[in-house]
Amino acid sequence: MTNLSNSKATKPSFIPILKECISAHDTSIGELLIITQELKDYSSLASYDAVMAYDELISCDNSLKTSKIVDDSILSRLKIAIAYVELRVDIANSFH
C-alpha cells in the first residue's frame, strides 16, 4: 500500500484512503502485540484492544469499498488481517 500511496500513477483522490489503510494496519498490528501481552492477566482489556484492531481494519475496508478501489493484493491482505484479528477477538473473549 505504501508503494501505491507514493506512486504518481495512483489517483490523487485514492491517496488519503490508502494512507488511512496503512495507518489502520499499523495500529491493528500494535494492538495485536498488546493483546498478546494482556491475555493472561487482563482479558477484558485484551478483548477491547482486539475489537479496536478489528474496527481499524473494517474502517479501511469500508473506505476502499466506498471509493471503489479494487486492488487484489490490498483486498486479499486486508481479508487475512481481518480474519486474524477476528481470531484474536474470539481468543480474548474466551478468557472471560
C-alpha atoms as a PDB file:
ATOM      1  CA  MET A   1       0.000   0.000   0.000  1.00  0.00           C
ATOM      2  CA  THR A   2       2.861   2.362   0.723  1.00  0.00           C
ATOM      3  CA  ASN A   3       4.079   1.956  -2.842  1.00  0.00           C
ATOM      4  CA  LEU A   4       0.617   2.756  -4.165  1.00  0.00           C
ATOM      5  CA  SER A   5       0.209   5.790  -1.927  1.00  0.00           C
ATOM      6  CA  ASN A   6       3.554   7.160  -3.159  1.00  0.00           C
ATOM      7  CA  SER A   7       3.088   6.267  -6.822  1.00  0.00           C
ATOM      8  CA  LYS A   8       2.479   9.021  -9.359  1.00  0.00           C
ATOM      9  CA  ALA A   9       0.154   6.593 -11.162  1.00  0.00           C
ATOM     10  CA  THR A  10      -2.246   6.473  -8.203  1.00  0.00           C
ATOM     11  CA  LYS A  11      -5.294   8.703  -8.481  1.00  0.00           C
ATOM     12  CA  PRO A  12      -4.839  11.632  -6.086  1.00  0.00           C
ATOM     13  CA  SER A  13      -8.292  11.004  -4.580  1.00  0.00           C
ATOM     14  CA  PHE A  14      -7.193   7.495  -3.528  1.00  0.00           C
ATOM     15  CA  ILE A  15      -4.060   8.591  -1.668  1.00  0.00           C
ATOM     16  CA  PRO A  16      -5.810   9.664   1.579  1.00  0.00           C
ATOM     17  CA  ILE A  17      -7.705   6.362   1.680  1.00  0.00           C
ATOM     18  CA  LEU A  18      -4.539   4.352   1.137  1.00  0.00           C
ATOM     19  CA  LYS A  19      -2.810   6.323   3.888  1.00  0.00           C
ATOM     20  CA  GLU A  20      -5.798   5.655   6.165  1.00  0.00           C
ATOM     21  CA  CYS A  21      -5.447   1.932   5.464  1.00  0.00           C
ATOM     22  CA  ILE A  22      -1.705   1.999   6.132  1.00  0.00           C
ATOM     23  CA  SER A  23      -2.390   3.695   9.449  1.00  0.00           C
ATOM     24  CA  ALA A  24      -5.183   1.210  10.255  1.00  0.00           C
ATOM     25  CA  HIS A  25      -2.885  -1.710   9.517  1.00  0.00           C
ATOM     26  CA  ASP A  26      -0.082  -0.284  11.655  1.00  0.00           C
ATOM     27  CA  THR A  27      -2.498   0.418  14.510  1.00  0.00           C
ATOM     28  CA  SER A  28      -4.005  -3.061  14.345  1.00  0.00           C
ATOM     29  CA  ILE A  29      -0.541  -4.657  14.452  1.00  0.00           C
ATOM     30  CA  GLY A  30       0.276  -2.599  17.535  1.00  0.00           C
ATOM     31  CA  GLU A  31      -2.998  -3.643  19.157  1.00  0.00           C
ATOM     32  CA  LEU A  32      -2.279  -7.303  18.407  1.00  0.00           C
ATOM     33  CA  LEU A  33       1.095  -7.073  20.102  1.00  0.00           C
ATOM     34  CA  ILE A  34      -0.547  -5.538  23.166  1.00  0.00           C
ATOM     35  CA  ILE A  35      -3.264  -8.210  23.169  1.00  0.00           C
ATOM     36  CA  THR A  36      -0.656 -10.957  23.323  1.00  0.00           C
ATOM     37  CA  GLN A  37       0.785  -9.422  26.473  1.00  0.00           C
ATOM     38  CA  GLU A  38      -2.603  -8.742  28.090  1.00  0.00           C
ATOM     39  CA  LEU A  39      -4.364 -12.058  27.524  1.00  0.00           C
ATOM     40  CA  LYS A  40      -3.224 -13.784  30.695  1.00  0.00           C
ATOM     41  CA  ASP A  41      -3.785 -11.033  33.246  1.00  0.00           C
ATOM     42  CA  TYR A  42      -6.137  -8.535  31.603  1.00  0.00           C
ATOM     43  CA  SER A  43      -8.529 -10.483  29.401  1.00  0.00           C
ATOM     44  CA  SER A  44     -11.170  -7.722  29.324  1.00  0.00           C
ATOM     45  CA  LEU A  45      -8.611  -5.209  28.145  1.00  0.00           C
ATOM     46  CA  ALA A  46      -7.285  -7.684  25.583  1.00  0.00           C
ATOM     47  CA  SER A  47     -10.819  -8.146  24.279  1.00  0.00           C
ATOM     48  CA  TYR A  48     -11.271  -4.368  23.978  1.00  0.00           C
ATOM     49  CA  ASP A  49      -7.940  -3.994  22.155  1.00  0.00           C
ATOM     50  CA  ALA A  50      -8.877  -6.796  19.771  1.00  0.00           C
ATOM     51  CA  VAL A  51     -12.135  -5.037  18.920  1.00  0.00           C
ATOM     52  CA  MET A  52     -10.241  -1.770  18.390  1.00  0.00           C
ATOM     53  CA  ALA A  53      -7.875  -3.515  15.952  1.00  0.00           C
ATOM     54  CA  TYR A  54     -10.867  -5.024  14.148  1.00  0.00           C
ATOM     55  CA  ASP A  55     -12.609  -1.643  13.894  1.00  0.00           C
ATOM     56  CA  GLU A  56      -9.485  -0.072  12.368  1.00  0.00           C
ATOM     57  CA  LEU A  57      -9.345  -2.704   9.625  1.00  0.00           C
ATOM     58  CA  ILE A  58     -13.086  -2.561   8.947  1.00  0.00           C
ATOM     59  CA  SER A  59     -12.810   1.214   8.567  1.00  0.00           C
ATOM     60  CA  CYS A  60     -10.136   0.681   5.926  1.00  0.00           C
ATOM     61  CA  ASP A  61     -12.279  -1.951   4.187  1.00  0.00           C
ATOM     62  CA  ASN A  62     -15.292   0.374   4.144  1.00  0.00           C
ATOM     63  CA  SER A  63     -13.225   3.261   2.765  1.00  0.00           C
ATOM     64  CA  LEU A  64     -11.851   1.060  -0.005  1.00  0.00           C
ATOM     65  CA  LYS A  65     -15.350  -0.106  -0.944  1.00  0.00           C
ATOM     66  CA  THR A  66     -16.809   3.407  -0.840  1.00  0.00           C
ATOM     67  CA  SER A  67     -14.060   4.791  -3.053  1.00  0.00           C
ATOM     68  CA  LYS A  68     -14.241   1.741  -5.336  1.00  0.00           C
ATOM     69  CA  ILE A  69     -10.542   0.997  -5.005  1.00  0.00           C
ATOM     70  CA  VAL A  70     -10.070  -2.511  -6.315  1.00  0.00           C
ATOM     71  CA  ASP A  71      -6.605  -3.899  -5.829  1.00  0.00           C
ATOM     72  CA  ASP A  72      -6.470  -7.646  -5.291  1.00  0.00           C
ATOM     73  CA  SER A  73      -3.234  -7.525  -3.307  1.00  0.00           C
ATOM     74  CA  ILE A  74      -4.657  -4.969  -0.861  1.00  0.00           C
ATOM     75  CA  LEU A  75      -8.012  -6.700  -0.553  1.00  0.00           C
ATOM     76  CA  SER A  76      -6.536 -10.171  -0.025  1.00  0.00           C
ATOM     77  CA  ARG A  77      -4.104  -8.940   2.627  1.00  0.00           C
ATOM     78  CA  LEU A  78      -6.850  -6.975   4.330  1.00  0.00           C
ATOM     79  CA  LYS A  79      -9.078 -10.062   4.350  1.00  0.00           C
ATOM     80  CA  ILE A  80      -6.295 -12.082   6.017  1.00  0.00           C
ATOM     81  CA  ALA A  81      -5.645  -9.322   8.564  1.00  0.00           C
ATOM     82  CA  ILE A  82      -9.360  -9.111   9.424  1.00  0.00           C
ATOM     83  CA  ALA A  83      -9.576 -12.903   9.843  1.00  0.00           C
ATOM     84  CA  TYR A  84      -6.523 -12.850  12.106  1.00  0.00           C
ATOM     85  CA  VAL A  85      -7.979 -10.074  14.246  1.00  0.00           C
ATOM     86  CA  GLU A  86     -11.346 -11.873  14.423  1.00  0.00           C
ATOM     87  CA  LEU A  87      -9.482 -14.910  15.756  1.00  0.00           C
ATOM     88  CA  ARG A  88      -7.804 -12.723  18.378  1.00  0.00           C
ATOM     89  CA  VAL A  89     -11.187 -11.290  19.382  1.00  0.00           C
ATOM     90  CA  ASP A  90     -12.508 -14.827  19.864  1.00  0.00           C
ATOM     91  CA  ILE A  91      -9.428 -15.852  21.849  1.00  0.00           C
ATOM     92  CA  ALA A  92      -9.605 -12.769  24.060  1.00  0.00           C
ATOM     93  CA  ASN A  93     -13.323 -13.291  24.668  1.00  0.00           C
ATOM     94  CA  SER A  94     -12.744 -16.927  25.634  1.00  0.00           C
ATOM     95  CA  PHE A  95     -10.701 -15.765  28.643  1.00  0.00           C
ATOM     96  CA  HIS A  96     -13.764 -14.107  30.245  1.00  0.00           C
END
